Amino acid sequence: MSFFGAPVYALAAALFALGVLGFLVRRNAIVVLMSIELMLNAANLTFLAAARGTAAANQASAYAVFVVLMAAAEAAIGLALILALFRLKQSSELDAASDLRG
């Protein structure tokens, strides 16, 4: 068993922490979506590092592909919502979206 996993887990944790920081600190909707994508990619990295060298490597790869597909769908829907918000409010800031409550 190699120690390849420890640096990969540390990298995934750092990427996830950067994503959480960007999600909590920024008010721009596009940056928030990029932060969510960064957190999903950190989770993918953890899936693949955990399955490296095991019998479940194919299953972990399938999970990673599924997460990438879900992230692509989330990005498409999120960008469509941001475009609609920008057309209505002329801003991509999340504070402008709070006016849309019914």
PDB file of N, CA and C in Angstrom:
ATOM      1  N   MET A   1       0.846  -1.179   0.000  1.00  0.00           N
ATOM      2  CA  MET A   1       0.000   0.000   0.000  1.00  0.00           C
ATOM      3  C   MET A   1       0.890   1.241   0.000  1.00  0.00           C
ATOM      4  N   SER A   2       0.637   2.154  -0.920  1.00  0.00           N
ATOM      5  CA  SER A   2       1.474   3.345  -1.020  1.00  0.00           C
ATOM      6  C   SER A   2       0.848   4.512  -0.259  1.00  0.00           C
ATOM      7  N   PHE A   3       1.656   5.513  -0.059  1.00  0.00           N
ATOM      8  CA  PHE A   3       1.187   6.715   0.622  1.00  0.00           C
ATOM      9  C   PHE A   3       0.747   7.781  -0.368  1.00  0.00           C
ATOM     10  N   PHE A   4       0.362   7.354  -1.559  1.00  0.00           N
ATOM     11  CA  PHE A   4      -0.091   8.279  -2.587  1.00  0.00           C
ATOM     12  C   PHE A   4      -1.395   8.958  -2.178  1.00  0.00           C
ATOM     13  N   GLY A   5      -2.208   8.279  -1.373  1.00  0.00           N
ATOM     14  CA  GLY A   5      -3.527   8.790  -1.030  1.00  0.00           C
ATOM     15  C   GLY A   5      -3.507  10.017  -0.139  1.00  0.00           C
ATOM     16  N   ALA A   6      -2.546  10.104   0.782  1.00  0.00           N
ATOM     17  CA  ALA A   6      -2.541  11.217   1.740  1.00  0.00           C
ATOM     18  C   ALA A   6      -2.401  12.580   1.069  1.00  0.00           C
ATOM     19  N   PRO A   7      -1.466  12.789   0.136  1.00  0.00           N
ATOM     20  CA  PRO A   7      -1.406  14.100  -0.521  1.00  0.00           C
ATOM     21  C   PRO A   7      -2.640  14.398  -1.365  1.00  0.00           C
ATOM     22  N   VAL A   8      -3.221  13.362  -1.946  1.00  0.00           N
ATOM     23  CA  VAL A   8      -4.419  13.576  -2.760  1.00  0.00           C
ATOM     24  C   VAL A   8      -5.587  13.988  -1.874  1.00  0.00           C
ATOM     25  N   TYR A   9      -5.712  13.364  -0.705  1.00  0.00           N
ATOM     26  CA  TYR A   9      -6.775  13.760   0.222  1.00  0.00           C
ATOM     27  C   TYR A   9      -6.561  15.180   0.732  1.00  0.00           C
ATOM     28  N   ALA A  10      -5.311  15.546   0.964  1.00  0.00           N
ATOM     29  CA  ALA A  10      -5.016  16.911   1.406  1.00  0.00           C
ATOM     30  C   ALA A  10      -5.363  17.917   0.310  1.00  0.00           C
ATOM     31  N   LEU A  11      -5.052  17.580  -0.934  1.00  0.00           N
ATOM     32  CA  LEU A  11      -5.404  18.449  -2.051  1.00  0.00           C
ATOM     33  C   LEU A  11      -6.916  18.572  -2.188  1.00  0.00           C
ATOM     34  N   ALA A  12      -7.623  17.459  -2.058  1.00  0.00           N
ATOM     35  CA  ALA A  12      -9.086  17.495  -2.150  1.00  0.00           C
ATOM     36  C   ALA A  12      -9.683  18.323  -1.023  1.00  0.00           C
ATOM     37  N   ALA A  13      -9.125  18.200   0.175  1.00  0.00           N
ATOM     38  CA  ALA A  13      -9.623  18.998   1.298  1.00  0.00           C
ATOM     39  C   ALA A  13      -9.360  20.482   1.074  1.00  0.00           C
ATOM     40  N   ALA A  14      -8.199  20.819   0.520  1.00  0.00           N
ATOM     41  CA  ALA A  14      -7.886  22.221   0.237  1.00  0.00           C
ATOM     42  C   ALA A  14      -8.809  22.782  -0.837  1.00  0.00           C
ATOM     43  N   LEU A  15      -9.067  21.996  -1.883  1.00  0.00           N
ATOM     44  CA  LEU A  15      -9.983  22.443  -2.931  1.00  0.00           C
ATOM     45  C   LEU A  15     -11.394  22.630  -2.389  1.00  0.00           C
ATOM     46  N   PHE A  16     -11.826  21.702  -1.549  1.00  0.00           N
ATOM     47  CA  PHE A  16     -13.162  21.813  -0.971  1.00  0.00           C
ATOM     48  C   PHE A  16     -13.257  23.037  -0.063  1.00  0.00           C
ATOM     49  N   ALA A  17     -12.209  23.288   0.720  1.00  0.00           N
ATOM     50  CA  ALA A  17     -12.205  24.460   1.604  1.00  0.00           C
ATOM     51  C   ALA A  17     -12.230  25.756   0.796  1.00  0.00           C
ATOM     52  N   LEU A  18     -11.495  25.799  -0.317  1.00  0.00           N
ATOM     53  CA  LEU A  18     -11.551  26.975  -1.183  1.00  0.00           C
ATOM     54  C   LEU A  18     -12.944  27.178  -1.764  1.00  0.00           C
ATOM     55  N   GLY A  19     -13.595  26.082  -2.131  1.00  0.00           N
ATOM     56  CA  GLY A  19     -14.958  26.169  -2.649  1.00  0.00           C
ATOM     57  C   GLY A  19     -15.933  26.687  -1.606  1.00  0.00           C
ATOM     58  N   VAL A  20     -15.818  26.192  -0.378  1.00  0.00           N
ATOM     59  CA  VAL A  20     -16.695  26.664   0.701  1.00  0.00           C
ATOM     60  C   VAL A  20     -16.434  28.134   0.987  1.00  0.00           C
ATOM     61  N   LEU A  21     -15.171  28.531   0.998  1.00  0.00           N
ATOM     62  CA  LEU A  21     -14.829  29.930   1.241  1.00  0.00           C
ATOM     63  C   LEU A  21     -15.403  30.834   0.152  1.00  0.00           C
ATOM     64  N   GLY A  22     -15.256  30.425  -1.088  1.00  0.00           N
ATOM     65  CA  GLY A  22     -15.824  31.210  -2.189  1.00  0.00           C
ATOM     66  C   GLY A  22     -17.331  31.272  -2.135  1.00  0.00           C
ATOM     67  N   PHE A  23     -17.959  30.189  -1.710  1.00  0.00           N
ATOM     68  CA  PHE A  23     -19.420  30.152  -1.609  1.00  0.00           C
ATOM     69  C   PHE A  23     -19.923  31.088  -0.518  1.00  0.00           C
ATOM     70  N   LEU A  24     -19.218  31.126   0.603  1.00  0.00           N
ATOM     71  CA  LEU A  24     -19.675  31.930   1.738  1.00  0.00           C
ATOM     72  C   LEU A  24     -19.317  33.409   1.632  1.00  0.00           C
ATOM     73  N   VAL A  25     -18.208  33.722   0.974  1.00  0.00           N
ATOM     74  CA  VAL A  25     -17.715  35.094   0.982  1.00  0.00           C
ATOM     75  C   VAL A  25     -18.233  35.911  -0.201  1.00  0.00           C
ATOM     76  N   ARG A  26     -18.292  35.328  -1.356  1.00  0.00           N
ATOM     77  CA  ARG A  26     -18.632  36.086  -2.561  1.00  0.00           C
ATOM     78  C   ARG A  26     -20.129  36.306  -2.697  1.00  0.00           C
ATOM     79  N   ARG A  27     -20.503  37.407  -3.342  1.00  0.00           N
ATOM     80  CA  ARG A  27     -21.904  37.729  -3.577  1.00  0.00           C
ATOM     81  C   ARG A  27     -22.274  37.611  -5.053  1.00  0.00           C
ATOM     82  N   ASN A  28     -21.288  37.420  -5.921  1.00  0.00           N
ATOM     83  CA  ASN A  28     -21.542  37.286  -7.343  1.00  0.00           C
ATOM     84  C   ASN A  28     -22.018  35.861  -7.629  1.00  0.00           C
ATOM     85  N   ALA A  29     -23.115  35.729  -8.348  1.00  0.00           N
ATOM     86  CA  ALA A  29     -23.716  34.414  -8.581  1.00  0.00           C
ATOM     87  C   ALA A  29     -22.819  33.514  -9.417  1.00  0.00           C
ATOM     88  N   ILE A  30     -22.078  34.060 -10.345  1.00  0.00           N
ATOM     89  CA  ILE A  30     -21.204  33.242 -11.182  1.00  0.00           C
ATOM     90  C   ILE A  30     -20.057  32.667 -10.352  1.00  0.00           C
ATOM     91  N   VAL A  31     -19.501  33.465  -9.448  1.00  0.00           N
ATOM     92  CA  VAL A  31     -18.422  32.981  -8.577  1.00  0.00           C
ATOM     93  C   VAL A  31     -18.955  31.914  -7.627  1.00  0.00           C
ATOM     94  N   VAL A  32     -20.183  32.081  -7.156  1.00  0.00           N
ATOM     95  CA  VAL A  32     -20.795  31.073  -6.281  1.00  0.00           C
ATOM     96  C   VAL A  32     -20.952  29.750  -7.032  1.00  0.00           C
ATOM     97  N   LEU A  33     -21.390  29.796  -8.289  1.00  0.00           N
ATOM     98  CA  LEU A  33     -21.507  28.570  -9.084  1.00  0.00           C
ATOM     99  C   LEU A  33     -20.141  27.926  -9.321  1.00  0.00           C
ATOM    100  N   MET A  34     -19.118  28.721  -9.568  1.00  0.00           N
ATOM    101  CA  MET A  34     -17.778  28.159  -9.741  1.00  0.00           C
ATOM    102  C   MET A  34     -17.287  27.525  -8.451  1.00  0.00           C
ATOM    103  N   SER A  35     -17.647  28.102  -7.313  1.00  0.00           N
ATOM    104  CA  SER A  35     -17.252  27.521  -6.026  1.00  0.00           C
ATOM    105  C   SER A  35     -17.935  26.181  -5.798  1.00  0.00           C
ATOM    106  N   ILE A  36     -19.191  26.067  -6.188  1.00  0.00           N
ATOM    107  CA  ILE A  36     -19.900  24.790  -6.074  1.00  0.00           C
ATOM    108  C   ILE A  36     -19.246  23.747  -6.972  1.00  0.00           C
ATOM    109  N   GLU A  37     -18.862  24.142  -8.182  1.00  0.00           N
ATOM    110  CA  GLU A  37     -18.166  23.217  -9.085  1.00  0.00           C
ATOM    111  C   GLU A  37     -16.835  22.762  -8.481  1.00  0.00           C
ATOM    112  N   LEU A  38     -16.136  23.662  -7.823  1.00  0.00           N
ATOM    113  CA  LEU A  38     -14.872  23.303  -7.186  1.00  0.00           C
ATOM    114  C   LEU A  38     -15.086  22.281  -6.074  1.00  0.00           C
ATOM    115  N   MET A  39     -16.156  22.439  -5.301  1.00  0.00           N
ATOM    116  CA  MET A  39     -16.458  21.471  -4.243  1.00  0.00           C
ATOM    117  C   MET A  39     -16.819  20.112  -4.838  1.00  0.00           C
ATOM    118  N   LEU A  40     -17.564  20.094  -5.942  1.00  0.00           N
ATOM    119  CA  LEU A  40     -17.901  18.826  -6.585  1.00  0.00           C
ATOM    120  C   LEU A  40     -16.659  18.141  -7.147  1.00  0.00           C
ATOM    121  N   ASN A  41     -15.736  18.902  -7.699  1.00  0.00           N
ATOM    122  CA  ASN A  41     -14.505  18.308  -8.215  1.00  0.00           C
ATOM    123  C   ASN A  41     -13.636  17.768  -7.089  1.00  0.00           C
ATOM    124  N   ALA A  42     -13.648  18.412  -5.927  1.00  0.00           N
ATOM    125  CA  ALA A  42     -12.915  17.881  -4.775  1.00  0.00           C
ATOM    126  C   ALA A  42     -13.518  16.549  -4.325  1.00  0.00           C
ATOM    127  N   ALA A  43     -14.832  16.451  -4.366  1.00  0.00           N
ATOM    128  CA  ALA A  43     -15.484  15.182  -4.016  1.00  0.00           C
ATOM    129  C   ALA A  43     -15.124  14.098  -5.029  1.00  0.00           C
ATOM    130  N   ASN A  44     -15.059  14.444  -6.316  1.00  0.00           N
ATOM    131  CA  ASN A  44     -14.636  13.485  -7.339  1.00  0.00           C
ATOM    132  C   ASN A  44     -13.223  12.994  -7.093  1.00  0.00           C
ATOM    133  N   LEU A  45     -12.339  13.902  -6.744  1.00  0.00           N
ATOM    134  CA  LEU A  45     -10.958  13.529  -6.464  1.00  0.00           C
ATOM    135  C   LEU A  45     -10.880  12.566  -5.286  1.00  0.00           C
ATOM    136  N   THR A  46     -11.714  12.786  -4.279  1.00  0.00           N
ATOM    137  CA  THR A  46     -11.753  11.894  -3.121  1.00  0.00           C
ATOM    138  C   THR A  46     -12.282  10.510  -3.513  1.00  0.00           C
ATOM    139  N   PHE A  47     -13.336  10.478  -4.337  1.00  0.00           N
ATOM    140  CA  PHE A  47     -13.850   9.192  -4.824  1.00  0.00           C
ATOM    141  C   PHE A  47     -12.755   8.399  -5.516  1.00  0.00           C
ATOM    142  N   LEU A  48     -12.044   9.035  -6.424  1.00  0.00           N
ATOM    143  CA  LEU A  48     -11.054   8.321  -7.212  1.00  0.00           C
ATOM    144  C   LEU A  48      -9.835   7.931  -6.387  1.00  0.00           C
ATOM    145  N   ALA A  49      -9.440   8.768  -5.434  1.00  0.00           N
ATOM    146  CA  ALA A  49      -8.302   8.417  -4.584  1.00  0.00           C
ATOM    147  C   ALA A  49      -8.648   7.260  -3.658  1.00  0.00           C
ATOM    148  N   ALA A  50      -9.889   7.216  -3.186  1.00  0.00           N
ATOM    149  CA  ALA A  50     -10.292   6.128  -2.291  1.00  0.00           C
ATOM    150  C   ALA A  50     -10.368   4.795  -3.031  1.00  0.00           C
ATOM    151  N   ALA A  51     -10.709   4.840  -4.298  1.00  0.00           N
ATOM    152  CA  ALA A  51     -10.886   3.602  -5.050  1.00  0.00           C
ATOM    153  C   ALA A  51      -9.614   3.143  -5.752  1.00  0.00           C
ATOM    154  N   ARG A  52      -8.557   3.921  -5.667  1.00  0.00           N
ATOM    155  CA  ARG A  52      -7.323   3.571  -6.366  1.00  0.00           C
ATOM    156  C   ARG A  52      -6.755   2.269  -5.805  1.00  0.00           C
ATOM    157  N   GLY A  53      -6.602   1.303  -6.682  1.00  0.00           N
ATOM    158  CA  GLY A  53      -5.996   0.045  -6.282  1.00  0.00           C
ATOM    159  C   GLY A  53      -6.947  -0.929  -5.613  1.00  0.00           C
ATOM    160  N   THR A  54      -8.230  -0.666  -5.652  1.00  0.00           N
ATOM    161  CA  THR A  54      -9.199  -1.596  -5.062  1.00  0.00           C
ATOM    162  C   THR A  54     -10.035  -2.226  -6.158  1.00  0.00           C
ATOM    163  N   ALA A  55     -10.829  -3.177  -5.757  1.00  0.00           N
ATOM    164  CA  ALA A  55     -11.718  -3.833  -6.717  1.00  0.00           C
ATOM    165  C   ALA A  55     -12.863  -2.917  -7.128  1.00  0.00           C
ATOM    166  N   ALA A  56     -13.130  -1.872  -6.338  1.00  0.00           N
ATOM    167  CA  ALA A  56     -14.242  -0.974  -6.630  1.00  0.00           C
ATOM    168  C   ALA A  56     -13.817   0.225  -7.468  1.00  0.00           C
ATOM    169  N   ALA A  57     -12.656   0.134  -8.145  1.00  0.00           N
ATOM    170  CA  ALA A  57     -12.156   1.269  -8.928  1.00  0.00           C
ATOM    171  C   ALA A  57     -13.110   1.625 -10.062  1.00  0.00           C
ATOM    172  N   ASN A  58     -13.693   0.619 -10.708  1.00  0.00           N
ATOM    173  CA  ASN A  58     -14.644   0.906 -11.789  1.00  0.00           C
ATOM    174  C   ASN A  58     -15.907   1.557 -11.256  1.00  0.00           C
ATOM    175  N   GLN A  59     -16.343   1.128 -10.099  1.00  0.00           N
ATOM    176  CA  GLN A  59     -17.546   1.707  -9.506  1.00  0.00           C
ATOM    177  C   GLN A  59     -17.287   3.159  -9.091  1.00  0.00           C
ATOM    178  N   ALA A  60     -16.129   3.456  -8.553  1.00  0.00           N
ATOM    179  CA  ALA A  60     -15.797   4.830  -8.172  1.00  0.00           C
ATOM    180  C   ALA A  60     -15.692   5.712  -9.407  1.00  0.00           C
ATOM    181  N   SER A  61     -15.169   5.173 -10.486  1.00  0.00           N
ATOM    182  CA  SER A  61     -15.099   5.942 -11.723  1.00  0.00           C
ATOM    183  C   SER A  61     -16.504   6.242 -12.248  1.00  0.00           C
ATOM    184  N   ALA A  62     -17.405   5.295 -12.100  1.00  0.00           N
ATOM    185  CA  ALA A  62     -18.785   5.533 -12.514  1.00  0.00           C
ATOM    186  C   ALA A  62     -19.431   6.614 -11.658  1.00  0.00           C
ATOM    187  N   TYR A  63     -19.153   6.599 -10.355  1.00  0.00           N
ATOM    188  CA  TYR A  63     -19.659   7.657  -9.487  1.00  0.00           C
ATOM    189  C   TYR A  63     -19.100   9.015  -9.899  1.00  0.00           C
ATOM    190  N   ALA A  64     -17.816   9.044 -10.223  1.00  0.00           N
ATOM    191  CA  ALA A  64     -17.190  10.303 -10.613  1.00  0.00           C
ATOM    192  C   ALA A  64     -17.796  10.840 -11.907  1.00  0.00           C
ATOM    193  N   VAL A  65     -18.046   9.963 -12.868  1.00  0.00           N
ATOM    194  CA  VAL A  65     -18.690  10.396 -14.114  1.00  0.00           C
ATOM    195  C   VAL A  65     -20.098  10.905 -13.832  1.00  0.00           C
ATOM    196  N   PHE A  66     -20.819  10.245 -12.942  1.00  0.00           N
ATOM    197  CA  PHE A  66     -22.157  10.695 -12.583  1.00  0.00           C
ATOM    198  C   PHE A  66     -22.118  12.075 -11.946  1.00  0.00           C
ATOM    199  N   VAL A  67     -21.150  12.325 -11.067  1.00  0.00           N
ATOM    200  CA  VAL A  67     -21.032  13.639 -10.426  1.00  0.00           C
ATOM    201  C   VAL A  67     -20.683  14.704 -11.452  1.00  0.00           C
ATOM    202  N   VAL A  68     -19.826  14.375 -12.417  1.00  0.00           N
ATOM    203  CA  VAL A  68     -19.484  15.339 -13.464  1.00  0.00           C
ATOM    204  C   VAL A  68     -20.717  15.665 -14.302  1.00  0.00           C
ATOM    205  N   LEU A  69     -21.519  14.663 -14.625  1.00  0.00           N
ATOM    206  CA  LEU A  69     -22.745  14.908 -15.389  1.00  0.00           C
ATOM    207  C   LEU A  69     -23.727  15.769 -14.605  1.00  0.00           C
ATOM    208  N   MET A  70     -23.853  15.508 -13.319  1.00  0.00           N
ATOM    209  CA  MET A  70     -24.741  16.329 -12.488  1.00  0.00           C
ATOM    210  C   MET A  70     -24.215  17.763 -12.377  1.00  0.00           C
ATOM    211  N   ALA A  71     -22.900  17.917 -12.314  1.00  0.00           N
ATOM    212  CA  ALA A  71     -22.317  19.258 -12.244  1.00  0.00           C
ATOM    213  C   ALA A  71     -22.564  20.021 -13.548  1.00  0.00           C
ATOM    214  N   ALA A  72     -22.507  19.332 -14.666  1.00  0.00           N
ATOM    215  CA  ALA A  72     -22.781  19.990 -15.949  1.00  0.00           C
ATOM    216  C   ALA A  72     -24.236  20.435 -16.023  1.00  0.00           C
ATOM    217  N   ALA A  73     -25.146  19.587 -15.553  1.00  0.00           N
ATOM    218  CA  ALA A  73     -26.555  19.971 -15.541  1.00  0.00           C
ATOM    219  C   ALA A  73     -26.794  21.129 -14.584  1.00  0.00           C
ATOM    220  N   GLU A  74     -26.137  21.091 -13.437  1.00  0.00           N
ATOM    221  CA  GLU A  74     -26.271  22.191 -12.466  1.00  0.00           C
ATOM    222  C   GLU A  74     -25.735  23.484 -13.045  1.00  0.00           C
ATOM    223  N   ALA A  75     -24.630  23.421 -13.768  1.00  0.00           N
ATOM    224  CA  ALA A  75     -24.060  24.625 -14.369  1.00  0.00           C
ATOM    225  C   ALA A  75     -24.981  25.193 -15.442  1.00  0.00           C
ATOM    226  N   ALA A  76     -25.568  24.324 -16.255  1.00  0.00           N
ATOM    227  CA  ALA A  76     -26.471  24.799 -17.305  1.00  0.00           C
ATOM    228  C   ALA A  76     -27.708  25.471 -16.709  1.00  0.00           C
ATOM    229  N   ILE A  77     -28.299  24.852 -15.705  1.00  0.00           N
ATOM    230  CA  ILE A  77     -29.481  25.436 -15.071  1.00  0.00           C
ATOM    231  C   ILE A  77     -29.112  26.713 -14.317  1.00  0.00           C
ATOM    232  N   GLY A  78     -27.988  26.682 -13.612  1.00  0.00           N
ATOM    233  CA  GLY A  78     -27.553  27.862 -12.875  1.00  0.00           C
ATOM    234  C   GLY A  78     -27.263  29.041 -13.787  1.00  0.00           C
ATOM    235  N   LEU A  79     -26.592  28.798 -14.903  1.00  0.00           N
ATOM    236  CA  LEU A  79     -26.312  29.885 -15.827  1.00  0.00           C
ATOM    237  C   LEU A  79     -27.580  30.419 -16.476  1.00  0.00           C
ATOM    238  N   ALA A  80     -28.552  29.543 -16.733  1.00  0.00           N
ATOM    239  CA  ALA A  80     -29.831  30.021 -17.269  1.00  0.00           C
ATOM    240  C   ALA A  80     -30.541  30.923 -16.258  1.00  0.00           C
ATOM    241  N   LEU A  81     -30.503  30.545 -14.991  1.00  0.00           N
ATOM    242  CA  LEU A  81     -31.107  31.387 -13.954  1.00  0.00           C
ATOM    243  C   LEU A  81     -30.376  32.720 -13.814  1.00  0.00           C
ATOM    244  N   ILE A  82     -29.056  32.688 -13.905  1.00  0.00           N
ATOM    245  CA  ILE A  82     -28.288  33.927 -13.807  1.00  0.00           C
ATOM    246  C   ILE A  82     -28.584  34.844 -14.992  1.00  0.00           C
ATOM    247  N   LEU A  83     -28.705  34.278 -16.190  1.00  0.00           N
ATOM    248  CA  LEU A  83     -29.055  35.092 -17.350  1.00  0.00           C
ATOM    249  C   LEU A  83     -30.437  35.717 -17.197  1.00  0.00           C
ATOM    250  N   ALA A  84     -31.391  34.949 -16.678  1.00  0.00           N
ATOM    251  CA  ALA A  84     -32.733  35.503 -16.448  1.00  0.00           C
ATOM    252  C   ALA A  84     -32.689  36.614 -15.402  1.00  0.00           C
ATOM    253  N   LEU A  85     -31.912  36.418 -14.343  1.00  0.00           N
ATOM    254  CA  LEU A  85     -31.756  37.446 -13.319  1.00  0.00           C
ATOM    255  C   LEU A  85     -31.103  38.699 -13.895  1.00  0.00           C
ATOM    256  N   PHE A  86     -30.094  38.513 -14.746  1.00  0.00           N
ATOM    257  CA  PHE A  86     -29.407  39.657 -15.330  1.00  0.00           C
ATOM    258  C   PHE A  86     -30.323  40.439 -16.264  1.00  0.00           C
ATOM    259  N   ARG A  87     -31.153  39.720 -17.022  1.00  0.00           N
ATOM    260  CA  ARG A  87     -32.094  40.417 -17.915  1.00  0.00           C
ATOM    261  C   ARG A  87     -33.107  41.229 -17.128  1.00  0.00           C
ATOM    262  N   LEU A  88     -33.510  40.718 -15.985  1.00  0.00           N
ATOM    263  CA  LEU A  88     -34.534  41.390 -15.193  1.00  0.00           C
ATOM    264  C   LEU A  88     -33.964  42.516 -14.344  1.00  0.00           C
ATOM    265  N   LYS A  89     -32.836  42.295 -13.693  1.00  0.00           N
ATOM    266  CA  LYS A  89     -32.285  43.248 -12.720  1.00  0.00           C
ATOM    267  C   LYS A  89     -31.019  43.961 -13.190  1.00  0.00           C
ATOM    268  N   GLN A  90     -30.449  43.576 -14.329  1.00  0.00           N
ATOM    269  CA  GLN A  90     -29.202  44.149 -14.845  1.00  0.00           C
ATOM    270  C   GLN A  90     -28.042  43.974 -13.863  1.00  0.00           C
ATOM    271  N   SER A  91     -28.065  42.886 -13.105  1.00  0.00           N
ATOM    272  CA  SER A  91     -27.004  42.598 -12.143  1.00  0.00           C
ATOM    273  C   SER A  91     -26.927  41.089 -11.934  1.00  0.00           C
ATOM    274  N   SER A  92     -25.713  40.620 -11.678  1.00  0.00           N
ATOM    275  CA  SER A  92     -25.548  39.190 -11.368  1.00  0.00           C
ATOM    276  C   SER A  92     -25.263  38.989  -9.888  1.00  0.00           C
ATOM    277  N   GLU A  93     -25.480  40.010  -9.076  1.00  0.00           N
ATOM    278  CA  GLU A  93     -25.274  39.907  -7.636  1.00  0.00           C
ATOM    279  C   GLU A  93     -26.433  39.143  -6.995  1.00  0.00           C
ATOM    280  N   LEU A  94     -26.125  38.344  -5.990  1.00  0.00           N
ATOM    281  CA  LEU A  94     -27.160  37.539  -5.334  1.00  0.00           C
ATOM    282  C   LEU A  94     -28.135  38.385  -4.530  1.00  0.00           C
ATOM    283  N   ASP A  95     -27.713  39.592  -4.085  1.00  0.00           N
ATOM    284  CA  ASP A  95     -28.612  40.464  -3.343  1.00  0.00           C
ATOM    285  C   ASP A  95     -29.779  40.933  -4.208  1.00  0.00           C
ATOM    286  N   ALA A  96     -29.558  41.043  -5.523  1.00  0.00           N
ATOM    287  CA  ALA A  96     -30.633  41.454  -6.426  1.00  0.00           C
ATOM    288  C   ALA A  96     -31.697  40.374  -6.556  1.00  0.00           C
ATOM    289  N   ALA A  97     -31.324  39.122  -6.312  1.00  0.00           N
ATOM    290  CA  ALA A  97     -32.290  38.025  -6.432  1.00  0.00           C
ATOM    291  C   ALA A  97     -33.259  37.993  -5.253  1.00  0.00           C
ATOM    292  N   SER A  98     -32.901  38.615  -4.140  1.00  0.00           N
ATOM    293  CA  SER A  98     -33.808  38.593  -2.994  1.00  0.00           C
ATOM    294  C   SER A  98     -35.057  39.419  -3.251  1.00  0.00           C
ATOM    295  N   ASP A  99     -35.014  40.336  -4.226  1.00  0.00           N
ATOM    296  CA  ASP A  99     -36.200  41.127  -4.577  1.00  0.00           C
ATOM    297  C   ASP A  99     -37.227  40.310  -5.343  1.00  0.00           C
ATOM    298  N   LEU A 100     -36.850  39.131  -5.813  1.00  0.00           N
ATOM    299  CA  LEU A 100     -37.735  38.328  -6.655  1.00  0.00           C
ATOM    300  C   LEU A 100     -38.701  37.477  -5.847  1.00  0.00           C
ATOM    301  N   ARG A 101     -38.625  37.513  -4.540  1.00  0.00           N
ATOM    302  CA  ARG A 101     -39.528  36.704  -3.719  1.00  0.00           C
ATOM    303  C   ARG A 101     -40.953  37.188  -3.885  1.00  0.00           C
ATOM    304  N   GLY A 102     -41.872  36.227  -3.885  1.00  0.00           N
ATOM    305  CA  GLY A 102     -43.269  36.568  -4.144  1.00  0.00           C
ATOM    306  C   GLY A 102     -44.099  36.779  -2.975  1.00  0.00           C
TER     307      GLY A 102
END
